[in-house]
Amino acid sequence: MRKTGSIMLLAAATIAIFFACSKYPGFKKSESGFYYKFYVQNEDSIKADTNFILTMNIRYRVNVKGKDSVFFNSRDMNKPFQLGIQKPQFKGDVYEAFAMLHQGDSATFILGAKDFFTKTASYPNVPAGIDSTTRIYFDVKVLKVESLEHMKKEAEAKAAKLKSEEAGKMQKFISSKGITTPPTETGVYYLEEKPGAGRLIQKGDIVKMDFTVLTIEEKKVFSTLDRKQPISFEFGQPFDTKGLDEGIGKMKKGTKARIVVPSAVGFGERGRKDMNGNEIIAPYSPVIYDVEIVDIQTKAQHEKEVADKAAKDKAEAKVAEAKEPGLIQSYMKDKNISARPSASGLYYIEKVKGKGPHAAKGKTVSVHYTGHLLDGTVFDTSLKGNPAKPYEFVLGAGQVIQGWDEGIALMNEGGKATLIVPSKLGYGSNGSGSVIKPFSPLVFDVELVKVK
């Protein structure tokens, strides 16, 4: 009994020493050096392995000087994240860690941040503040673990089902709308709602049009009307789908039509996904286009129009360049500003002296701002959100206009200032968008919220 008791005490002491010596209380250390902690562990469930797909909620964050910076959170995508498990690229990498996971598990892994960013994520440069001692934390909740083979079979079964249902969906739509117009040989229904004038669109024409894309259930997927800007393209070059091209070929300037396209000349067996990988058009799904032709030009007409506009813009830019210094001086006189410019031409007007850390080159800064033209037209602001979210960037890394890199570097955390930025420190001869014309001086009211 005494011997057994001694062994138990020794085991308990060993465990206590293990956790007491750990840099991360409550975490265990793997043989390859990363730390891990399971909150839920389902060892009887399916386990991740090479060529398996993990579907999970995941967040990864870096702790620098006691403060967390979240680099990615799948909840921001409004969908779970999927990751294919590969063979480890090096000892103690994220794939080795995730290969420990089972379906239903919840865990945190702590790995070397520098190795993750440079070797696994292939960042060209290590993010600011991260060195060989920095650790990255992965918080994961595994929703599903499945093999690539199983996923492939599921996708094939889904596609087969959708393919078998397509004709019925198309017929249901045609019947519900009382459409009697016969389809073309490819199955496209061209339904003209308003006739146009002049000639038909021909290959090589530059077509300007508004169009809306809908599912066969008439759920809107995309519309140029939402952005109030028609789209231009060369007819005959690949555009969206072959079915849409077929319908456009029947149109003239001013024509409005609905074009119902079967998947064979639509998005086919793949369907379409958005930039985040969300499915917006399912495989083997008919699609609807509502189209209005705004204008048609021959290529020669279009090229002349572009050349004429370029010449006009160049002349206007030359005038704007000559006027810029005088406009800045008039603005300063009207606002009773007596500040002197820096060597580069930036005007820095301090409103509130900051008492926090100085914004030095290489620091990550968070800034609230409102940008406007000299006439008061606001072109951008960080204050429109609810709650308002400051803009974050690395100072001096060329991530913002030169006037910002120079002006913010004069501030301390908590400070407020106005920056009058000449165009050479802003958007120069190019301008930006439709509001900031070439050679436009800009005014920014800024608040340095955070320096880290």
Protein backbone atom coordinates (compact mmCIF):
# COMPACT_ATOMS: atom_id res chain seq x y z
CA MET A 1 0.00 0.00 0.00
CA ARG A 2 2.77 2.39 0.86
CA LYS A 3 4.54 1.67 -2.44
CA THR A 4 1.36 2.28 -4.44
CA GLY A 5 0.69 5.48 -2.58
CA SER A 6 4.18 6.73 -3.33
CA ILE A 7 3.72 6.07 -7.05
CA MET A 8 0.42 7.98 -7.04
CA LEU A 9 2.01 10.90 -5.21
CA LEU A 10 4.92 10.89 -7.66
CA ALA A 11 2.53 10.93 -10.63
CA ALA A 12 0.54 13.79 -9.14
CA ALA A 13 3.72 15.73 -8.42
CA THR A 14 4.94 15.16 -12.00
CA ILE A 15 1.68 16.51 -13.45
CA ALA A 16 1.80 19.51 -11.14
CA ILE A 17 5.39 20.26 -12.16
CA PHE A 18 4.46 19.88 -15.87
CA PHE A 19 1.71 22.48 -15.71
CA ALA A 20 3.60 24.76 -13.34
CA CYS A 21 6.58 24.86 -15.72
CA SER A 22 4.43 25.47 -18.81
CA LYS A 23 4.60 28.95 -20.33
CA TYR A 24 0.89 28.60 -21.00
CA PRO A 25 -1.05 27.31 -17.96
CA GLY A 26 -3.62 24.66 -18.86
CA PHE A 27 -1.91 23.86 -22.17
CA LYS A 28 0.04 20.73 -23.06
CA LYS A 29 3.18 20.72 -25.16
CA SER A 30 3.52 18.47 -28.21
CA GLU A 31 6.70 16.59 -29.04
CA SER A 32 7.38 19.04 -31.87
CA GLY A 33 7.02 22.07 -29.62
CA PHE A 34 3.58 23.62 -30.13
CA TYR A 35 1.07 23.99 -27.30
CA TYR A 36 -2.54 22.85 -27.33
CA LYS A 37 -5.62 22.79 -25.15
CA PHE A 38 -8.88 20.95 -25.82
CA TYR A 39 -12.13 22.32 -24.42
CA VAL A 40 -14.17 19.56 -26.09
CA GLN A 41 -12.51 16.38 -27.36
CA ASN A 42 -14.47 13.69 -29.22
CA GLU A 43 -11.94 10.90 -29.62
CA ASP A 44 -14.66 8.48 -30.78
CA SER A 45 -15.58 10.74 -33.72
CA ILE A 46 -13.96 10.86 -37.18
CA LYS A 47 -10.39 12.23 -37.06
CA ALA A 48 -8.65 14.59 -39.46
CA ASP A 49 -5.98 13.12 -41.71
CA THR A 50 -4.10 13.98 -44.90
CA ASN A 51 -6.55 14.63 -47.76
CA PHE A 52 -9.40 15.27 -45.33
CA ILE A 53 -11.37 18.51 -45.23
CA LEU A 54 -12.04 20.33 -41.96
CA THR A 55 -15.13 22.54 -41.84
CA MET A 56 -14.79 24.77 -38.81
CA ASN A 57 -15.18 28.09 -37.13
CA ILE A 58 -11.65 29.45 -36.78
CA ARG A 59 -9.95 32.55 -35.48
CA TYR A 60 -6.25 33.19 -35.39
CA ARG A 61 -4.65 35.96 -33.43
CA VAL A 62 -1.22 37.16 -32.42
CA ASN A 63 -0.34 38.40 -28.96
CA VAL A 64 2.21 41.23 -29.02
CA LYS A 65 3.14 42.90 -25.75
CA GLY A 66 0.06 41.48 -24.05
CA LYS A 67 -2.38 42.70 -26.71
CA ASP A 68 -4.27 40.49 -29.18
CA SER A 69 -4.42 41.33 -32.89
CA VAL A 70 -6.95 39.18 -34.77
CA PHE A 71 -5.73 38.38 -38.28
CA PHE A 72 -8.67 36.24 -39.36
CA ASN A 73 -12.08 35.25 -38.02
CA SER A 74 -14.33 32.98 -40.09
CA ARG A 75 -17.39 34.50 -38.43
CA ASP A 76 -16.68 37.69 -40.38
CA MET A 77 -17.35 35.67 -43.57
CA ASN A 78 -20.77 34.56 -42.29
CA LYS A 79 -19.87 30.98 -43.17
CA PRO A 80 -17.63 28.24 -41.76
CA PHE A 81 -14.08 27.95 -43.05
CA GLN A 82 -12.90 24.87 -44.94
CA LEU A 83 -9.29 23.68 -44.88
CA GLY A 84 -7.70 20.72 -46.60
CA ILE A 85 -5.27 18.85 -44.36
CA GLN A 86 -1.85 18.44 -45.97
CA LYS A 87 1.28 16.67 -44.88
CA PRO A 88 3.21 18.92 -42.44
CA GLN A 89 5.52 21.34 -44.24
CA PHE A 90 7.83 21.48 -41.24
CA LYS A 91 7.98 20.14 -37.70
CA GLY A 92 5.28 21.70 -35.52
CA ASP A 93 3.30 23.45 -38.27
CA VAL A 94 -0.42 24.11 -38.29
CA TYR A 95 -1.20 20.98 -40.34
CA GLU A 96 0.45 18.80 -37.71
CA ALA A 97 -1.62 20.55 -35.05
CA PHE A 98 -4.92 20.29 -36.91
CA ALA A 99 -4.33 16.60 -37.62
CA MET A 100 -5.07 16.09 -33.90
CA LEU A 101 -8.66 17.24 -34.36
CA HIS A 102 -11.85 15.18 -34.43
CA GLN A 103 -15.31 16.19 -35.57
CA GLY A 104 -16.93 18.19 -32.77
CA ASP A 105 -13.64 19.16 -31.11
CA SER A 106 -13.01 22.62 -29.72
CA ALA A 107 -9.42 23.65 -29.05
CA THR A 108 -6.72 26.31 -29.03
CA PHE A 109 -3.26 25.79 -30.54
CA ILE A 110 -0.22 28.01 -29.91
CA LEU A 111 2.48 27.99 -32.60
CA GLY A 112 5.40 30.12 -33.74
CA ALA A 113 3.95 33.13 -35.57
CA LYS A 114 6.96 33.90 -37.75
CA ASP A 115 7.11 30.37 -39.18
CA PHE A 116 3.37 30.40 -39.84
CA PHE A 117 3.42 33.68 -41.77
CA THR A 118 6.61 33.02 -43.76
CA LYS A 119 6.41 29.25 -44.37
CA THR A 120 2.72 28.29 -44.23
CA ALA A 121 0.93 31.48 -45.28
CA SER A 122 3.80 32.60 -47.59
CA TYR A 123 3.68 36.25 -46.55
CA PRO A 124 6.37 38.23 -48.44
CA ASN A 125 7.09 40.14 -45.22
CA VAL A 126 6.46 39.32 -41.57
CA PRO A 127 3.67 41.56 -40.16
CA ALA A 128 4.86 44.45 -38.00
CA GLY A 129 5.72 43.59 -34.40
CA ILE A 130 6.22 39.87 -35.04
CA ASP A 131 9.57 38.16 -34.49
CA SER A 132 10.87 34.66 -33.70
CA THR A 133 9.50 34.85 -30.13
CA THR A 134 5.94 35.80 -31.12
CA ARG A 135 3.22 33.16 -30.81
CA ILE A 136 0.07 32.78 -32.89
CA TYR A 137 -3.12 31.40 -31.35
CA PHE A 138 -5.60 29.31 -33.34
CA ASP A 139 -9.05 29.00 -31.75
CA VAL A 140 -11.05 26.32 -33.56
CA LYS A 141 -14.42 24.62 -33.35
CA VAL A 142 -14.63 21.66 -35.73
CA LEU A 143 -18.06 21.29 -37.32
CA LYS A 144 -17.29 18.51 -39.78
CA VAL A 145 -14.46 16.20 -40.83
CA GLU A 146 -14.76 14.39 -44.14
CA SER A 147 -12.50 12.86 -46.74
CA LEU A 148 -12.03 14.38 -50.18
CA GLU A 149 -13.45 11.19 -51.66
CA HIS A 150 -16.61 11.50 -49.56
CA MET A 151 -17.00 15.18 -50.46
CA LYS A 152 -16.59 14.35 -54.14
CA LYS A 153 -19.30 11.69 -53.96
CA GLU A 154 -21.64 14.09 -52.14
CA ALA A 155 -21.02 16.81 -54.75
CA GLU A 156 -21.65 14.35 -57.60
CA ALA A 157 -24.91 13.20 -56.00
CA LYS A 158 -26.03 16.82 -55.50
CA ALA A 159 -25.15 17.68 -59.10
CA ALA A 160 -27.03 14.66 -60.45
CA LYS A 161 -30.12 15.68 -58.46
CA LEU A 162 -29.94 19.29 -59.67
CA LYS A 163 -29.43 18.15 -63.26
CA SER A 164 -32.53 15.96 -63.11
CA GLU A 165 -34.58 18.86 -61.68
CA GLU A 166 -33.52 21.56 -64.16
CA ALA A 167 -36.07 20.89 -66.90
CA GLY A 168 -38.88 20.91 -64.35
CA LYS A 169 -37.73 24.23 -62.87
CA MET A 170 -37.56 25.79 -66.31
CA GLN A 171 -41.00 24.51 -67.31
CA LYS A 172 -42.53 25.68 -64.03
CA PHE A 173 -41.19 29.19 -64.61
CA ILE A 174 -42.34 29.32 -68.26
CA SER A 175 -45.83 28.10 -67.32
CA SER A 176 -46.19 30.46 -64.35
CA LYS A 177 -45.40 33.46 -66.58
CA GLY A 178 -47.66 32.34 -69.42
CA ILE A 179 -44.77 32.44 -71.87
CA THR A 180 -45.68 31.16 -75.34
CA THR A 181 -42.56 32.27 -77.20
CA PRO A 182 -40.64 29.16 -78.30
CA PRO A 183 -37.01 28.73 -77.19
CA THR A 184 -34.07 28.88 -79.58
CA GLU A 185 -32.19 25.73 -80.60
CA THR A 186 -29.97 26.07 -77.52
CA GLY A 187 -32.98 26.38 -75.20
CA VAL A 188 -32.72 30.14 -74.64
CA TYR A 189 -35.96 32.11 -74.22
CA TYR A 190 -35.59 35.60 -75.67
CA LEU A 191 -38.48 37.75 -74.42
CA GLU A 192 -38.41 41.28 -75.84
CA GLU A 193 -40.15 43.85 -73.65
CA LYS A 194 -39.26 47.04 -75.56
CA PRO A 195 -38.03 47.26 -79.17
CA GLY A 196 -34.90 49.23 -79.94
CA ALA A 197 -33.97 51.29 -82.99
CA GLY A 198 -31.30 51.05 -85.65
CA ARG A 199 -29.15 48.03 -86.44
CA LEU A 200 -28.57 44.82 -84.54
CA ILE A 201 -25.49 44.47 -82.35
CA GLN A 202 -22.58 42.99 -84.30
CA LYS A 203 -19.37 41.24 -83.34
CA GLY A 204 -16.70 43.79 -82.42
CA ASP A 205 -19.21 46.45 -81.29
CA ILE A 206 -18.66 48.14 -77.94
CA VAL A 207 -21.92 47.62 -76.07
CA LYS A 208 -23.00 49.68 -73.07
CA MET A 209 -25.84 48.07 -71.15
CA ASP A 210 -27.60 47.71 -67.83
CA PHE A 211 -28.35 44.16 -66.76
CA THR A 212 -29.68 42.26 -63.79
CA VAL A 213 -28.95 38.60 -63.06
CA LEU A 214 -31.59 36.51 -61.26
CA THR A 215 -32.02 32.88 -60.32
CA ILE A 216 -34.90 30.98 -61.90
CA GLU A 217 -36.79 31.71 -58.66
CA GLU A 218 -36.24 35.42 -59.50
CA LYS A 219 -33.84 36.09 -56.62
CA LYS A 220 -31.50 38.92 -57.60
CA VAL A 221 -27.83 37.98 -57.77
CA PHE A 222 -26.31 41.11 -59.35
CA SER A 223 -27.42 44.33 -61.02
CA THR A 224 -25.60 47.25 -62.60
CA LEU A 225 -28.62 49.33 -61.56
CA ASP A 226 -27.53 49.05 -57.93
CA ARG A 227 -24.31 50.90 -58.67
CA LYS A 228 -25.99 53.24 -61.20
CA GLN A 229 -23.32 52.56 -63.80
CA PRO A 230 -23.89 50.59 -67.00
CA ILE A 231 -21.22 48.12 -68.06
CA SER A 232 -19.32 48.28 -71.37
CA PHE A 233 -17.79 45.34 -73.21
CA GLU A 234 -16.78 44.21 -76.68
CA PHE A 235 -19.46 41.96 -78.13
CA GLY A 236 -17.99 38.70 -79.34
CA GLN A 237 -15.43 38.49 -76.54
CA PRO A 238 -16.23 36.13 -73.61
CA PHE A 239 -18.47 38.03 -71.22
CA ASP A 240 -20.79 36.19 -68.82
CA THR A 241 -22.48 33.21 -70.47
CA LYS A 242 -23.02 31.98 -74.03
CA GLY A 243 -26.78 32.20 -73.50
CA LEU A 244 -26.55 35.89 -72.62
CA ASP A 245 -24.40 36.53 -75.71
CA GLU A 246 -27.01 34.77 -77.85
CA GLY A 247 -29.75 37.02 -76.51
CA ILE A 248 -27.74 40.24 -76.84
CA GLY A 249 -27.12 39.40 -80.49
CA LYS A 250 -30.86 39.91 -81.09
CA MET A 251 -30.90 43.42 -79.57
CA LYS A 252 -30.54 47.02 -80.77
CA LYS A 253 -29.87 50.31 -79.04
CA GLY A 254 -32.75 50.93 -76.62
CA THR A 255 -33.97 47.32 -76.58
CA LYS A 256 -35.13 45.87 -73.26
CA ALA A 257 -35.48 42.12 -72.96
CA ARG A 258 -35.60 39.22 -70.54
CA ILE A 259 -33.31 36.34 -71.49
CA VAL A 260 -33.90 32.99 -69.78
CA VAL A 261 -30.83 30.77 -70.11
CA PRO A 262 -30.57 27.02 -69.42
CA SER A 263 -27.43 25.82 -67.65
CA ALA A 264 -26.05 24.22 -70.84
CA VAL A 265 -25.32 27.73 -72.16
CA GLY A 266 -25.29 29.30 -68.70
CA PHE A 267 -23.12 28.45 -65.70
CA GLY A 268 -23.22 24.72 -66.38
CA GLU A 269 -22.15 22.01 -63.98
CA ARG A 270 -20.11 24.38 -61.81
CA GLY A 271 -22.64 27.11 -61.14
CA ARG A 272 -21.18 30.35 -59.80
CA LYS A 273 -19.72 31.45 -56.47
CA ASP A 274 -19.00 34.89 -55.09
CA MET A 275 -15.59 36.17 -53.97
CA ASN A 276 -15.97 34.49 -50.58
CA GLY A 277 -16.80 31.12 -52.09
CA ASN A 278 -20.52 31.33 -51.35
CA GLU A 279 -22.72 29.65 -53.96
CA ILE A 280 -24.93 32.18 -55.74
CA ILE A 281 -25.93 30.09 -58.77
CA ALA A 282 -26.21 26.35 -58.12
CA PRO A 283 -24.86 23.83 -60.66
CA TYR A 284 -27.31 22.92 -63.44
CA SER A 285 -29.49 25.94 -62.71
CA PRO A 286 -31.25 28.13 -65.30
CA VAL A 287 -30.58 31.83 -64.95
CA ILE A 288 -32.50 34.98 -65.93
CA TYR A 289 -31.05 38.19 -67.38
CA ASP A 290 -32.99 41.45 -67.58
CA VAL A 291 -31.10 43.55 -70.14
CA GLU A 292 -31.37 47.09 -71.53
CA ILE A 293 -28.99 48.26 -74.27
CA VAL A 294 -27.92 51.83 -73.48
CA ASP A 295 -25.59 52.42 -76.44
CA ILE A 296 -23.79 50.69 -79.30
CA GLN A 297 -20.57 51.91 -80.92
CA THR A 298 -18.27 50.47 -83.51
CA LYS A 299 -14.76 49.88 -82.27
CA ALA A 300 -13.54 52.87 -84.31
CA GLN A 301 -16.19 55.15 -82.78
CA HIS A 302 -15.31 53.95 -79.30
CA GLU A 303 -11.58 54.44 -79.79
CA LYS A 304 -12.18 58.01 -81.06
CA GLU A 305 -14.38 58.77 -78.06
CA VAL A 306 -11.73 57.45 -75.68
CA ALA A 307 -9.00 59.47 -77.41
CA ASP A 308 -11.11 62.67 -77.35
CA LYS A 309 -11.84 62.20 -73.65
CA ALA A 310 -8.17 61.58 -72.87
CA ALA A 311 -7.21 64.80 -74.66
CA LYS A 312 -9.89 66.75 -72.81
CA ASP A 313 -8.85 65.29 -69.45
CA LYS A 314 -5.20 66.12 -70.16
CA ALA A 315 -6.06 69.75 -70.94
CA GLU A 316 -8.21 70.06 -67.81
CA ALA A 317 -5.45 68.48 -65.70
CA LYS A 318 -2.92 71.00 -67.01
CA VAL A 319 -5.19 73.86 -65.97
CA ALA A 320 -5.80 72.25 -62.55
CA GLU A 321 -2.05 71.82 -61.99
CA ALA A 322 -1.45 75.51 -62.67
CA LYS A 323 -4.29 76.60 -60.37
CA GLU A 324 -3.46 74.31 -57.43
CA PRO A 325 -1.00 76.53 -55.48
CA GLY A 326 -3.37 79.49 -55.66
CA LEU A 327 -6.34 77.39 -54.56
CA ILE A 328 -4.45 76.20 -51.48
CA GLN A 329 -3.47 79.76 -50.54
CA SER A 330 -7.05 81.00 -51.02
CA TYR A 331 -8.34 78.17 -48.84
CA MET A 332 -5.87 78.97 -46.07
CA LYS A 333 -6.74 82.65 -46.22
CA ASP A 334 -10.49 81.92 -46.06
CA LYS A 335 -9.95 79.59 -43.07
CA ASN A 336 -7.50 82.00 -41.40
CA ILE A 337 -4.77 79.34 -41.35
CA SER A 338 -1.21 80.64 -40.93
CA ALA A 339 0.72 77.36 -40.88
CA ARG A 340 3.87 76.99 -42.95
CA PRO A 341 4.35 74.04 -45.30
CA SER A 342 6.92 71.32 -44.70
CA ALA A 343 9.75 70.81 -47.17
CA SER A 344 7.48 68.48 -49.16
CA GLY A 345 4.58 70.96 -49.20
CA LEU A 346 2.38 69.41 -46.47
CA TYR A 347 0.49 71.72 -44.13
CA TYR A 348 0.11 70.29 -40.61
CA ILE A 349 -2.29 72.09 -38.26
CA GLU A 350 -2.37 70.60 -34.77
CA LYS A 351 -5.76 70.82 -33.02
CA VAL A 352 -5.18 68.69 -29.91
CA LYS A 353 -1.77 67.63 -28.60
CA GLY A 354 -1.67 63.88 -28.04
CA LYS A 355 -0.29 62.57 -24.74
CA GLY A 356 0.22 58.95 -25.75
CA PRO A 357 2.99 57.13 -27.66
CA HIS A 358 4.51 58.80 -30.71
CA ALA A 359 3.52 57.49 -34.15
CA ALA A 360 6.90 56.33 -35.43
CA LYS A 361 7.64 54.64 -38.74
CA GLY A 362 6.86 50.90 -38.59
CA LYS A 363 4.20 51.29 -35.90
CA THR A 364 0.63 50.15 -36.52
CA VAL A 365 -1.68 53.13 -36.10
CA SER A 366 -5.46 53.48 -35.92
CA VAL A 367 -6.88 56.73 -37.27
CA HIS A 368 -10.32 58.31 -37.45
CA TYR A 369 -10.58 60.72 -40.35
CA THR A 370 -12.77 62.77 -42.64
CA GLY A 371 -11.40 63.73 -46.05
CA HIS A 372 -12.81 66.57 -48.13
CA LEU A 373 -11.97 68.75 -51.10
CA LEU A 374 -11.20 72.45 -50.73
CA ASP A 375 -14.85 73.21 -51.55
CA GLY A 376 -15.99 71.09 -48.60
CA THR A 377 -17.11 68.03 -50.57
CA VAL A 378 -16.57 65.00 -48.31
CA PHE A 379 -15.17 62.05 -50.27
CA ASP A 380 -14.44 59.63 -47.43
CA THR A 381 -14.74 59.20 -43.67
CA SER A 382 -14.21 56.55 -41.03
CA LEU A 383 -17.05 57.95 -38.92
CA LYS A 384 -20.01 56.58 -40.88
CA GLY A 385 -20.14 53.12 -39.26
CA ASN A 386 -22.15 52.20 -36.19
CA PRO A 387 -19.95 51.90 -34.28
CA ALA A 388 -17.41 53.88 -36.25
CA LYS A 389 -14.25 51.89 -36.92
CA PRO A 390 -10.88 53.65 -37.23
CA TYR A 391 -8.64 52.90 -40.21
CA GLU A 392 -5.57 50.83 -39.30
CA PHE A 393 -2.29 50.74 -41.22
CA VAL A 394 1.47 50.45 -40.78
CA LEU A 395 3.01 53.92 -40.78
CA GLY A 396 5.71 54.56 -43.36
CA ALA A 397 5.06 51.33 -45.27
CA GLY A 398 3.47 53.01 -48.29
CA GLN A 399 0.00 51.68 -47.42
CA VAL A 400 -1.53 55.18 -47.57
CA ILE A 401 -0.87 58.38 -49.50
CA GLN A 402 2.45 60.09 -48.83
CA GLY A 403 0.76 63.03 -47.10
CA TRP A 404 -0.68 60.68 -44.50
CA ASP A 405 2.61 58.89 -43.86
CA GLU A 406 4.25 62.26 -43.29
CA GLY A 407 1.45 63.93 -41.32
CA ILE A 408 0.50 61.08 -38.97
CA ALA A 409 4.21 60.66 -38.12
CA LEU A 410 4.05 64.11 -36.48
CA MET A 411 1.35 62.99 -34.02
CA ASN A 412 1.05 61.28 -30.66
CA GLU A 413 -1.74 58.93 -29.63
CA GLY A 414 -4.83 60.95 -28.70
CA GLY A 415 -3.84 63.87 -30.92
CA LYS A 416 -6.05 65.62 -33.47
CA ALA A 417 -4.90 67.57 -36.51
CA THR A 418 -5.81 68.89 -39.93
CA LEU A 419 -3.65 67.92 -42.89
CA ILE A 420 -3.72 69.99 -46.06
CA VAL A 421 -2.23 67.67 -48.64
CA PRO A 422 -1.04 68.97 -52.02
CA SER A 423 -1.77 66.63 -54.91
CA LYS A 424 1.88 65.54 -55.24
CA LEU A 425 1.52 63.96 -51.77
CA GLY A 426 -1.98 62.68 -52.58
CA TYR A 427 -3.30 61.24 -55.83
CA GLY A 428 -1.28 63.45 -58.16
CA SER A 429 -1.99 63.56 -61.87
CA ASN A 430 -4.21 60.46 -61.71
CA GLY A 431 -6.81 61.55 -59.18
CA SER A 432 -8.98 58.89 -57.56
CA GLY A 433 -12.49 57.86 -58.56
CA SER A 434 -14.97 60.37 -59.91
CA VAL A 435 -14.68 62.91 -57.07
CA ILE A 436 -10.93 63.45 -56.65
CA LYS A 437 -9.82 64.95 -59.96
CA PRO A 438 -6.17 65.12 -61.09
CA PHE A 439 -4.10 67.70 -59.19
CA SER A 440 -6.67 68.04 -56.40
CA PRO A 441 -5.37 69.21 -53.01
CA LEU A 442 -7.07 67.40 -50.14
CA VAL A 443 -7.95 68.24 -46.54
CA PHE A 444 -8.07 65.60 -43.81
CA ASP A 445 -9.30 66.06 -40.26
CA VAL A 446 -7.59 63.23 -38.38
CA GLU A 447 -7.53 61.77 -34.88
CA LEU A 448 -4.78 59.34 -33.89
CA VAL A 449 -6.73 56.79 -31.86
CA LYS A 450 -4.06 54.16 -31.22
CA VAL A 451 -0.35 53.48 -31.69
CA LYS A 452 0.95 49.93 -31.29
